[in-house]
C-alpha atoms as a PDB file:
ATOM      1  CA  MET A   1     112.827 169.305  67.778  1.00  0.00           C
ATOM      2  CA  SER A   2     116.201 170.928  67.175  1.00  0.00           C
ATOM      3  CA  LEU A   3     118.910 170.784  69.824  1.00  0.00           C
ATOM      4  CA  ASN A   4     121.542 173.435  70.483  1.00  0.00           C
ATOM      5  CA  LYS A   5     124.823 173.214  72.387  1.00  0.00           C
ATOM      6  CA  GLY A   6     125.329 175.464  75.379  1.00  0.00           C
ATOM      7  CA  LEU A   7     127.588 176.167  78.356  1.00  0.00           C
ATOM      8  CA  ILE A   8     126.221 176.381  81.907  1.00  0.00           C
ATOM      9  CA  MET A   9     127.278 179.787  83.259  1.00  0.00           C
ATOM     10  CA  ARG A  10     125.248 179.989  86.468  1.00  0.00           C
ATOM     11  CA  SER A  11     123.314 177.657  88.718  1.00  0.00           C
ATOM     12  CA  THR A  12     120.944 178.090  91.634  1.00  0.00           C
ATOM     13  CA  GLY A  13     120.042 174.432  91.979  1.00  0.00           C
ATOM     14  CA  SER A  14     116.855 174.472  89.905  1.00  0.00           C
ATOM     15  CA  TRP A  15     117.422 177.182  87.271  1.00  0.00           C
ATOM     16  CA  TYR A  16     120.485 177.497  85.069  1.00  0.00           C
ATOM     17  CA  GLU A  17     121.888 180.217  82.854  1.00  0.00           C
ATOM     18  CA  VAL A  18     122.795 178.614  79.522  1.00  0.00           C
ATOM     19  CA  ARG A  19     124.974 180.372  76.976  1.00  0.00           C
ATOM     20  CA  ALA A  20     124.477 179.103  73.436  1.00  0.00           C
ATOM     21  CA  GLU A  21     127.409 178.844  71.019  1.00  0.00           C
ATOM     22  CA  SER A  22     125.969 181.929  69.296  1.00  0.00           C
ATOM     23  CA  GLY A  23     126.590 183.864  72.512  1.00  0.00           C
ATOM     24  CA  LYS A  24     122.907 184.278  73.355  1.00  0.00           C
ATOM     25  CA  VAL A  25     122.028 183.556  76.979  1.00  0.00           C
ATOM     26  CA  PHE A  26     118.891 181.709  78.127  1.00  0.00           C
ATOM     27  CA  ASP A  27     117.355 180.760  81.467  1.00  0.00           C
ATOM     28  CA  GLY A  28     116.905 176.998  81.503  1.00  0.00           C
ATOM     29  CA  ARG A  29     115.773 174.135  83.605  1.00  0.00           C
ATOM     30  CA  LEU A  30     116.605 170.461  83.629  1.00  0.00           C
ATOM     31  CA  LYS A  31     114.334 167.954  81.956  1.00  0.00           C
ATOM     32  CA  GLY A  32     112.787 165.779  84.650  1.00  0.00           C
ATOM     33  CA  LYS A  33     114.306 162.468  83.553  1.00  0.00           C
ATOM     34  CA  PHE A  34     117.803 163.594  84.615  1.00  0.00           C
ATOM     35  CA  LYS A  35     116.665 163.873  88.204  1.00  0.00           C
ATOM     36  CA  LEU A  36     116.203 160.114  88.296  1.00  0.00           C
ATOM     37  CA  LYS A  37     119.557 158.957  86.972  1.00  0.00           C
ATOM     38  CA  GLY A  38     123.267 159.740  87.077  1.00  0.00           C
ATOM     39  CA  PRO A  39     125.425 160.403  90.146  1.00  0.00           C
ATOM     40  CA  THR A  40     123.744 160.914  93.516  1.00  0.00           C
ATOM     41  CA  THR A  41     124.056 164.674  93.631  1.00  0.00           C
ATOM     42  CA  SER A  42     121.834 167.475  94.842  1.00  0.00           C
ATOM     43  CA  ASN A  43     122.614 169.271  91.564  1.00  0.00           C
ATOM     44  CA  PRO A  44     122.934 166.996  88.508  1.00  0.00           C
ATOM     45  CA  ILE A  45     124.367 169.838  86.409  1.00  0.00           C
ATOM     46  CA  ALA A  46     127.345 171.987  87.377  1.00  0.00           C
ATOM     47  CA  VAL A  47     128.657 175.304  86.171  1.00  0.00           C
ATOM     48  CA  GLY A  48     131.117 174.515  83.378  1.00  0.00           C
ATOM     49  CA  ASP A  49     129.000 171.687  81.979  1.00  0.00           C
ATOM     50  CA  TRP A  50     128.338 171.562  78.248  1.00  0.00           C
ATOM     51  CA  VAL A  51     124.740 170.604  77.477  1.00  0.00           C
ATOM     52  CA  MET A  52     122.277 170.169  74.615  1.00  0.00           C
ATOM     53  CA  PHE A  53     119.078 172.152  74.984  1.00  0.00           C
ATOM     54  CA  SER A  54     115.768 172.816  73.231  1.00  0.00           C
ATOM     55  CA  MET A  55     113.521 175.879  73.314  1.00  0.00           C
ATOM     56  CA  GLU A  56     110.757 175.534  75.918  1.00  0.00           C
ATOM     57  CA  ASP A  57     109.071 178.951  75.752  1.00  0.00           C
ATOM     58  CA  GLU A  58     109.715 181.321  72.846  1.00  0.00           C
ATOM     59  CA  VAL A  59     107.968 184.238  74.570  1.00  0.00           C
ATOM     60  CA  HIS A  60     109.922 184.064  77.835  1.00  0.00           C
ATOM     61  CA  GLN A  61     113.028 182.662  76.128  1.00  0.00           C
ATOM     62  CA  THR A  62     113.394 179.711  78.495  1.00  0.00           C
ATOM     63  CA  VAL A  63     114.953 176.412  77.470  1.00  0.00           C
ATOM     64  CA  LEU A  64     114.899 172.748  78.481  1.00  0.00           C
ATOM     65  CA  ILE A  65     118.231 171.012  79.066  1.00  0.00           C
ATOM     66  CA  GLU A  66     117.895 167.679  77.266  1.00  0.00           C
ATOM     67  CA  GLU A  67     121.384 166.179  77.567  1.00  0.00           C
ATOM     68  CA  ILE A  68     124.544 166.646  79.625  1.00  0.00           C
ATOM     69  CA  LEU A  69     127.654 166.115  77.512  1.00  0.00           C
ATOM     70  CA  PRO A  70     130.558 164.000  78.875  1.00  0.00           C
ATOM     71  CA  ARG A  71     132.782 165.799  81.393  1.00  0.00           C
ATOM     72  CA  THR A  72     136.574 165.804  81.492  1.00  0.00           C
ATOM     73  CA  ASN A  73     136.370 166.182  85.289  1.00  0.00           C
ATOM     74  CA  TYR A  74     134.378 167.763  88.090  1.00  0.00           C
ATOM     75  CA  LEU A  75     134.819 168.917  91.672  1.00  0.00           C
ATOM     76  CA  ILE A  76     132.339 167.581  94.185  1.00  0.00           C
ATOM     77  CA  ARG A  77     131.804 167.812  97.915  1.00  0.00           C
ATOM     78  CA  LYS A  78     129.412 166.082 100.281  1.00  0.00           C
ATOM     79  CA  SER A  79     126.050 167.842 100.282  1.00  0.00           C
ATOM     80  CA  VAL A  80     125.466 169.972 103.365  1.00  0.00           C
ATOM     81  CA  HIS A  81     121.766 169.064 103.459  1.00  0.00           C
ATOM     82  CA  LYS A  82     121.603 165.542 101.987  1.00  0.00           C
ATOM     83  CA  THR A  83     124.203 163.322 103.614  1.00  0.00           C
ATOM     84  CA  ALA A  84     124.115 160.570 100.966  1.00  0.00           C
ATOM     85  CA  HIS A  85     124.400 163.071  98.124  1.00  0.00           C
ATOM     86  CA  GLY A  86     127.177 165.157  96.678  1.00  0.00           C
ATOM     87  CA  GLN A  87     127.105 168.771  95.566  1.00  0.00           C
ATOM     88  CA  MET A  88     128.991 169.456  92.359  1.00  0.00           C
ATOM     89  CA  LEU A  89     130.936 172.711  92.514  1.00  0.00           C
ATOM     90  CA  ALA A  90     132.124 172.847  88.888  1.00  0.00           C
ATOM     91  CA  ALA A  91     132.805 170.720  85.801  1.00  0.00           C
ATOM     92  CA  ASN A  92     135.469 170.712  83.061  1.00  0.00           C
ATOM     93  CA  VAL A  93     138.000 172.639  85.155  1.00  0.00           C
ATOM     94  CA  ASP A  94     141.636 173.232  84.100  1.00  0.00           C
ATOM     95  CA  GLN A  95     142.822 174.321  87.529  1.00  0.00           C
ATOM     96  CA  ALA A  96     141.623 175.249  91.014  1.00  0.00           C
ATOM     97  CA  ILE A  97     142.825 178.276  92.961  1.00  0.00           C
ATOM     98  CA  PHE A  98     142.435 177.952  96.721  1.00  0.00           C
ATOM     99  CA  VAL A  99     142.627 181.209  98.678  1.00  0.00           C
ATOM    100  CA  MET A 100     143.476 180.923 102.370  1.00  0.00           C
ATOM    101  CA  THR A 101     144.524 183.139 105.268  1.00  0.00           C
ATOM    102  CA  LEU A 102     146.442 182.515 108.481  1.00  0.00           C
ATOM    103  CA  LYS A 103     144.114 184.869 110.357  1.00  0.00           C
ATOM    104  CA  SER A 104     141.038 187.060 109.821  1.00  0.00           C
ATOM    105  CA  PRO A 105     139.818 184.319 109.364  1.00  0.00           C
ATOM    106  CA  LYS A 106     142.164 181.403 109.884  1.00  0.00           C
ATOM    107  CA  THR A 107     141.979 178.619 107.289  1.00  0.00           C
ATOM    108  CA  SER A 108     142.742 175.246 108.833  1.00  0.00           C
ATOM    109  CA  LEU A 109     145.165 172.890 107.104  1.00  0.00           C
ATOM    110  CA  GLY A 110     142.511 170.190 107.476  1.00  0.00           C
ATOM    111  CA  PHE A 111     140.100 172.150 105.302  1.00  0.00           C
ATOM    112  CA  LEU A 112     142.824 172.803 102.727  1.00  0.00           C
ATOM    113  CA  ASP A 113     143.766 169.116 102.672  1.00  0.00           C
ATOM    114  CA  ARG A 114     140.159 168.069 102.074  1.00  0.00           C
ATOM    115  CA  PHE A 115     139.984 170.407  99.099  1.00  0.00           C
ATOM    116  CA  LEU A 116     143.299 169.085  97.744  1.00  0.00           C
ATOM    117  CA  VAL A 117     142.153 165.465  98.056  1.00  0.00           C
ATOM    118  CA  THR A 118     138.997 166.264  96.081  1.00  0.00           C
ATOM    119  CA  ALA A 119     141.053 167.967  93.353  1.00  0.00           C
ATOM    120  CA  GLU A 120     143.611 165.125  93.295  1.00  0.00           C
ATOM    121  CA  ALA A 121     140.824 162.628  92.656  1.00  0.00           C
ATOM    122  CA  PHE A 122     140.412 164.181  89.192  1.00  0.00           C
ATOM    123  CA  ARG A 123     144.029 165.312  88.748  1.00  0.00           C
ATOM    124  CA  ILE A 124     143.033 168.974  88.800  1.00  0.00           C
ATOM    125  CA  PRO A 125     146.118 171.142  89.450  1.00  0.00           C
ATOM    126  CA  VAL A 126     145.786 173.432  92.480  1.00  0.00           C
ATOM    127  CA  HIS A 127     147.425 176.779  93.245  1.00  0.00           C
ATOM    128  CA  ILE A 128     147.360 177.802  96.909  1.00  0.00           C
ATOM    129  CA  VAL A 129     147.151 181.562  97.476  1.00  0.00           C
ATOM    130  CA  PHE A 130     148.113 182.822 100.938  1.00  0.00           C
ATOM    131  CA  ASN A 131     146.263 186.136 101.154  1.00  0.00           C
ATOM    132  CA  LYS A 132     146.344 189.067 103.634  1.00  0.00           C
ATOM    133  CA  MET A 133     150.081 188.741 104.140  1.00  0.00           C
ATOM    134  CA  ASP A 134     150.117 192.365 105.359  1.00  0.00           C
ATOM    135  CA  LEU A 135     148.209 191.347 108.520  1.00  0.00           C
ATOM    136  CA  LEU A 136     150.925 188.968 109.699  1.00  0.00           C
ATOM    137  CA  ASP A 137     153.797 189.663 112.068  1.00  0.00           C
ATOM    138  CA  GLU A 138     157.223 188.141 111.455  1.00  0.00           C
ATOM    139  CA  GLU A 139     156.492 184.956 113.389  1.00  0.00           C
ATOM    140  CA  GLU A 140     153.197 184.431 111.547  1.00  0.00           C
ATOM    141  CA  GLN A 141     154.863 185.038 108.198  1.00  0.00           C
ATOM    142  CA  ASP A 142     157.435 182.377 109.046  1.00  0.00           C
ATOM    143  CA  GLN A 143     154.553 180.010 109.794  1.00  0.00           C
ATOM    144  CA  VAL A 144     153.035 180.720 106.366  1.00  0.00           C
ATOM    145  CA  PHE A 145     156.381 180.167 104.637  1.00  0.00           C
ATOM    146  CA  GLU A 146     156.692 176.837 106.452  1.00  0.00           C
ATOM    147  CA  TYR A 147     153.254 175.766 105.224  1.00  0.00           C
ATOM    148  CA  ALA A 148     154.061 176.993 101.725  1.00  0.00           C
ATOM    149  CA  ALA A 149     157.279 174.967 101.598  1.00  0.00           C
ATOM    150  CA  LEU A 150     155.384 171.823 102.629  1.00  0.00           C
ATOM    151  CA  TYR A 151     152.769 172.148  99.882  1.00  0.00           C
ATOM    152  CA  GLN A 152     155.184 173.348  97.226  1.00  0.00           C
ATOM    153  CA  GLU A 153     157.249 170.214  97.794  1.00  0.00           C
ATOM    154  CA  LEU A 154     154.082 168.184  97.185  1.00  0.00           C
ATOM    155  CA  GLY A 155     153.700 169.818  93.765  1.00  0.00           C
ATOM    156  CA  TYR A 156     151.174 172.578  94.439  1.00  0.00           C
ATOM    157  CA  GLY A 157     151.637 176.099  93.113  1.00  0.00           C
ATOM    158  CA  ILE A 158     152.154 178.767  95.782  1.00  0.00           C
ATOM    159  CA  LEU A 159     151.494 182.515  95.766  1.00  0.00           C
ATOM    160  CA  PHE A 160     151.589 185.148  98.520  1.00  0.00           C
ATOM    161  CA  THR A 161     149.243 188.108  98.112  1.00  0.00           C
ATOM    162  CA  SER A 162     148.409 191.377  99.822  1.00  0.00           C
ATOM    163  CA  ILE A 163     146.142 193.910  98.150  1.00  0.00           C
ATOM    164  CA  PRO A 164     147.209 196.910 100.312  1.00  0.00           C
ATOM    165  CA  LYS A 165     150.866 196.185  99.499  1.00  0.00           C
ATOM    166  CA  ASN A 166     150.121 195.170  95.893  1.00  0.00           C
ATOM    167  CA  GLN A 167     151.970 191.922  96.608  1.00  0.00           C
ATOM    168  CA  GLY A 168     151.472 189.096  94.122  1.00  0.00           C
ATOM    169  CA  VAL A 169     148.594 190.870  92.367  1.00  0.00           C
ATOM    170  CA  ASP A 170     150.081 190.722  88.849  1.00  0.00           C
ATOM    171  CA  GLU A 171     150.976 187.066  89.334  1.00  0.00           C
ATOM    172  CA  PHE A 172     147.424 186.398  90.530  1.00  0.00           C
ATOM    173  CA  LYS A 173     145.981 187.985  87.375  1.00  0.00           C
ATOM    174  CA  ALA A 174     148.337 185.966  85.140  1.00  0.00           C
ATOM    175  CA  MET A 175     147.274 182.723  86.817  1.00  0.00           C
ATOM    176  CA  PHE A 176     143.914 182.725  85.006  1.00  0.00           C
ATOM    177  CA  GLN A 177     145.026 183.320  81.418  1.00  0.00           C
ATOM    178  CA  GLY A 178     143.742 180.789  78.868  1.00  0.00           C
ATOM    179  CA  LYS A 179     142.251 178.441  81.473  1.00  0.00           C
ATOM    180  CA  VAL A 180     138.981 177.473  83.110  1.00  0.00           C
ATOM    181  CA  SER A 181     139.684 178.177  86.776  1.00  0.00           C
ATOM    182  CA  LEU A 182     137.658 177.476  89.905  1.00  0.00           C
ATOM    183  CA  ILE A 183     138.398 179.791  92.825  1.00  0.00           C
ATOM    184  CA  ALA A 184     137.516 178.573  96.311  1.00  0.00           C
ATOM    185  CA  GLY A 185     138.136 179.310  99.967  1.00  0.00           C
ATOM    186  CA  HIS A 186     136.406 180.171 103.223  1.00  0.00           C
ATOM    187  CA  SER A 187     134.153 183.214 103.404  1.00  0.00           C
ATOM    188  CA  GLY A 188     136.195 186.249 104.415  1.00  0.00           C
ATOM    189  CA  VAL A 189     139.595 185.229 103.018  1.00  0.00           C
ATOM    190  CA  GLY A 190     139.504 188.053 100.448  1.00  0.00           C
ATOM    191  CA  LYS A 191     138.448 186.222  97.301  1.00  0.00           C
ATOM    192  CA  SER A 192     136.072 188.985  96.253  1.00  0.00           C
ATOM    193  CA  SER A 193     138.713 191.687  96.621  1.00  0.00           C
ATOM    194  CA  LEU A 194     141.188 189.670  94.569  1.00  0.00           C
ATOM    195  CA  LEU A 195     138.580 188.893  91.913  1.00  0.00           C
ATOM    196  CA  ASN A 196     137.632 192.541  91.555  1.00  0.00           C
ATOM    197  CA  ILE A 197     141.251 193.275  90.690  1.00  0.00           C
ATOM    198  CA  VAL A 198     141.272 190.521  88.052  1.00  0.00           C
ATOM    199  CA  ALA A 199     137.944 191.716  86.590  1.00  0.00           C
ATOM    200  CA  PRO A 200     136.524 194.929  88.102  1.00  0.00           C
ATOM    201  CA  HIS A 201     133.131 194.327  86.476  1.00  0.00           C
ATOM    202  CA  LEU A 202     132.463 191.385  88.808  1.00  0.00           C
ATOM    203  CA  GLN A 203     131.273 193.788  91.515  1.00  0.00           C
ATOM    204  CA  ILE A 204     128.502 194.938  89.173  1.00  0.00           C
ATOM    205  CA  LYS A 205     127.602 191.355  88.336  1.00  0.00           C
ATOM    206  CA  THR A 206     126.926 190.509  91.996  1.00  0.00           C
ATOM    207  CA  LYS A 207     123.513 192.176  91.951  1.00  0.00           C
ATOM    208  CA  GLU A 208     122.588 190.374  88.748  1.00  0.00           C
ATOM    209  CA  ILE A 209     123.398 187.053  90.346  1.00  0.00           C
ATOM    210  CA  SER A 210     121.201 187.905  93.333  1.00  0.00           C
ATOM    211  CA  ASP A 211     118.312 188.749  90.997  1.00  0.00           C
ATOM    212  CA  PHE A 212     118.872 185.556  89.014  1.00  0.00           C
ATOM    213  CA  ALA A 213     118.905 183.489  92.198  1.00  0.00           C
ATOM    214  CA  GLN A 214     115.314 184.546  92.939  1.00  0.00           C
ATOM    215  CA  LYS A 215     114.229 182.141  90.182  1.00  0.00           C
ATOM    216  CA  GLY A 216     115.727 179.115  91.845  1.00  0.00           C
ATOM    217  CA  VAL A 217     115.867 177.471  95.218  1.00  0.00           C
ATOM    218  CA  HIS A 218     118.135 179.405  97.547  1.00  0.00           C
ATOM    219  CA  THR A 219     121.086 177.221  98.415  1.00  0.00           C
ATOM    220  CA  THR A 220     124.076 177.699 100.675  1.00  0.00           C
ATOM    221  CA  THR A 221     126.384 177.652  97.691  1.00  0.00           C
ATOM    222  CA  TYR A 222     125.727 178.342  94.037  1.00  0.00           C
ATOM    223  CA  SER A 223     128.409 178.768  91.440  1.00  0.00           C
ATOM    224  CA  THR A 224     128.873 181.319  88.688  1.00  0.00           C
ATOM    225  CA  MET A 225     131.122 181.341  85.620  1.00  0.00           C
ATOM    226  CA  TRP A 226     132.450 184.471  83.948  1.00  0.00           C
ATOM    227  CA  GLU A 227     134.320 184.739  80.671  1.00  0.00           C
ATOM    228  CA  LEU A 228     137.157 187.156  81.472  1.00  0.00           C
ATOM    229  CA  SER A 229     138.500 187.065  77.913  1.00  0.00           C
ATOM    230  CA  ALA A 230     138.481 184.656  74.981  1.00  0.00           C
ATOM    231  CA  GLY A 231     139.327 181.217  76.381  1.00  0.00           C
ATOM    232  CA  THR A 232     139.689 182.492  79.958  1.00  0.00           C
ATOM    233  CA  TYR A 233     136.910 181.528  82.360  1.00  0.00           C
ATOM    234  CA  LEU A 234     136.541 181.987  86.086  1.00  0.00           C
ATOM    235  CA  ILE A 235     134.203 179.927  88.257  1.00  0.00           C
ATOM    236  CA  ASP A 236     133.446 181.283  91.705  1.00  0.00           C
ATOM    237  CA  SER A 237     131.879 178.969  94.256  1.00  0.00           C
ATOM    238  CA  PRO A 238     131.153 181.301  97.191  1.00  0.00           C
ATOM    239  CA  GLY A 239     130.601 180.445 100.811  1.00  0.00           C
ATOM    240  CA  ILE A 240     132.366 177.088 100.951  1.00  0.00           C
ATOM    241  CA  ASN A 241     132.888 176.651 104.679  1.00  0.00           C
ATOM    242  CA  GLU A 242     132.638 172.880 104.642  1.00  0.00           C
ATOM    243  CA  MET A 243     134.347 170.366 102.379  1.00  0.00           C
ATOM    244  CA  GLY A 244     132.954 166.905 103.016  1.00  0.00           C
ATOM    245  CA  ILE A 245     134.623 164.200 100.933  1.00  0.00           C
ATOM    246  CA  HIS A 246     132.309 162.432  98.485  1.00  0.00           C
ATOM    247  CA  GLU A 247     132.803 159.538  96.055  1.00  0.00           C
ATOM    248  CA  ILE A 248     136.202 158.479  97.469  1.00  0.00           C
ATOM    249  CA  GLU A 249     136.526 155.019  99.007  1.00  0.00           C
ATOM    250  CA  LYS A 250     138.579 154.692 102.192  1.00  0.00           C
ATOM    251  CA  GLU A 251     140.854 152.120 100.552  1.00  0.00           C
ATOM    252  CA  GLU A 252     141.703 154.657  97.810  1.00  0.00           C
ATOM    253  CA  LEU A 253     142.234 157.686 100.040  1.00  0.00           C
ATOM    254  CA  ALA A 254     146.033 157.411 100.253  1.00  0.00           C
ATOM    255  CA  HIS A 255     146.222 157.628  96.437  1.00  0.00           C
ATOM    256  CA  TYR A 256     145.148 161.280  96.697  1.00  0.00           C
ATOM    257  CA  PHE A 257     147.925 162.282  99.101  1.00  0.00           C
ATOM    258  CA  PRO A 258     150.978 162.622  96.782  1.00  0.00           C
ATOM    259  CA  GLU A 259     153.488 161.832  99.537  1.00  0.00           C
ATOM    260  CA  MET A 260     151.595 158.643 100.417  1.00  0.00           C
ATOM    261  CA  ARG A 261     151.015 157.723  96.793  1.00  0.00           C
ATOM    262  CA  ALA A 262     154.793 157.664  96.334  1.00  0.00           C
ATOM    263  CA  LEU A 263     155.021 154.931  98.986  1.00  0.00           C
ATOM    264  CA  LEU A 264     152.247 152.677  97.702  1.00  0.00           C
ATOM    265  CA  GLY A 265     153.580 149.181  97.328  1.00  0.00           C
ATOM    266  CA  ALA A 266     156.206 149.699 100.025  1.00  0.00           C
ATOM    267  CA  CYS A 267     153.978 148.499 102.877  1.00  0.00           C
ATOM    268  CA  LYS A 268     154.100 144.890 104.068  1.00  0.00           C
ATOM    269  CA  PHE A 269     150.444 144.290 103.228  1.00  0.00           C
ATOM    270  CA  ASN A 270     148.866 145.118  99.874  1.00  0.00           C
ATOM    271  CA  ASN A 271     145.599 146.181 101.525  1.00  0.00           C
ATOM    272  CA  CYS A 272     147.320 148.421 104.096  1.00  0.00           C
ATOM    273  CA  VAL A 273     145.268 151.530 104.949  1.00  0.00           C
ATOM    274  CA  HIS A 274     148.098 153.087 106.999  1.00  0.00           C
ATOM    275  CA  ILE A 275     146.324 153.229 110.355  1.00  0.00           C
ATOM    276  CA  SER A 276     147.836 150.579 112.630  1.00  0.00           C
ATOM    277  CA  GLU A 277     149.186 147.843 110.335  1.00  0.00           C
ATOM    278  CA  PRO A 278     152.674 146.441 111.020  1.00  0.00           C
ATOM    279  CA  ALA A 279     155.529 147.385 108.682  1.00  0.00           C
ATOM    280  CA  CYS A 280     153.544 150.268 107.177  1.00  0.00           C
ATOM    281  CA  ALA A 281     155.784 152.490 105.049  1.00  0.00           C
ATOM    282  CA  VAL A 282     153.485 155.504 105.495  1.00  0.00           C
ATOM    283  CA  ILE A 283     153.489 155.312 109.305  1.00  0.00           C
ATOM    284  CA  LYS A 284     157.289 154.972 109.249  1.00  0.00           C
ATOM    285  CA  ALA A 285     157.517 158.065 107.019  1.00  0.00           C
ATOM    286  CA  VAL A 286     155.337 160.029 109.468  1.00  0.00           C
ATOM    287  CA  GLU A 287     157.501 158.932 112.396  1.00  0.00           C
ATOM    288  CA  SER A 288     160.677 159.950 110.581  1.00  0.00           C
ATOM    289  CA  GLY A 289     159.248 163.327 109.554  1.00  0.00           C
ATOM    290  CA  GLU A 290     159.263 162.475 105.846  1.00  0.00           C
ATOM    291  CA  ILE A 291     155.475 162.956 105.856  1.00  0.00           C
ATOM    292  CA  ALA A 292     154.179 166.000 107.772  1.00  0.00           C
ATOM    293  CA  SER A 293     152.154 165.118 110.863  1.00  0.00           C
ATOM    294  CA  SER A 294     149.485 167.673 109.867  1.00  0.00           C
ATOM    295  CA  ARG A 295     148.946 165.851 106.587  1.00  0.00           C
ATOM    296  CA  TYR A 296     148.704 162.484 108.305  1.00  0.00           C
ATOM    297  CA  LEU A 297     146.191 163.907 110.803  1.00  0.00           C
ATOM    298  CA  SER A 298     144.133 165.142 107.856  1.00  0.00           C
ATOM    299  CA  TYR A 299     144.318 161.661 106.336  1.00  0.00           C
ATOM    300  CA  LEU A 300     143.045 160.111 109.574  1.00  0.00           C
ATOM    301  CA  SER A 301     140.290 162.704 109.892  1.00  0.00           C
ATOM    302  CA  ILE A 302     139.050 162.070 106.345  1.00  0.00           C
ATOM    303  CA  PHE A 303     139.396 158.301 106.767  1.00  0.00           C
ATOM    304  CA  GLU A 304     137.305 158.372 109.942  1.00  0.00           C
ATOM    305  CA  ASN A 305     134.863 160.846 108.327  1.00  0.00           C
ATOM    306  CA  GLU A 306     135.283 163.327 111.160  1.00  0.00           C
ATOM    307  CA  ASP A 307     134.004 166.906 111.219  1.00  0.00           C
ATOM    308  CA  ASN A 308     134.742 168.441 107.821  1.00  0.00           C
ATOM    309  CA  ARG A 309     135.114 171.944 109.270  1.00  0.00           C
ATOM    310  CA  ARG A 310     138.452 170.943 110.801  1.00  0.00           C
END
């Protein structure tokens, strides 16, 4: 049995689109043994995974995925349907681009912070795109600029976009060049409109994805990868309206907040979790305004495993 190397381009949860190194694309499924081992996820393979596969059916051109090659990283969230499981959004990602809006719809800072914590866990750089700037009045724009300053100071890339005003569109296009990028955000924030500017053919692809999805189990979220140009890949994970934290221990959570990470070792107690301990450097920083109260509230919410729609 000969094995070939391939890249997972699409996933519906049970069927995968595998692109061989030759460029030929196959529909594939996972060999049963992988369902019994590995991380506790609802989808053991993610878009962006490199795999080894064998031919299953020459007539129908379907393949069996025999091996998942080691990942450099992956993004995972708590499964919506299986509480003890995670749902992998993508693997082998160079950067994540998070699109958010202040209104129509409003993206909460809590949801953004949950996404950032997940990306921080694998040191995946994140760019935050504030879209629909044309819908905001002066006061609302000031609010966005205040948020942007907070996250830029923490080391995240910031971009303001408006398609009607052609604001930030060229910069948005340039963001993807030469990288494997995951784009995420609530439904309705304008991801599709932005993506169709980056690659107009994506609108055509949407129907193909719907047809492909008929082969698999319909899931709330399935991811798709496109090659925009040589070495430039885009992964879209549509419909992410929840971002439950998975695979992060409470004692490690502060490590994934950069402003808290900078203070590790400054607390009185080595095992301080920054909730109510005496002489806690993080709590002092929140009280003094050095750490934003919104970020600390997000920390508490994640720590207490509260509603992940916040």
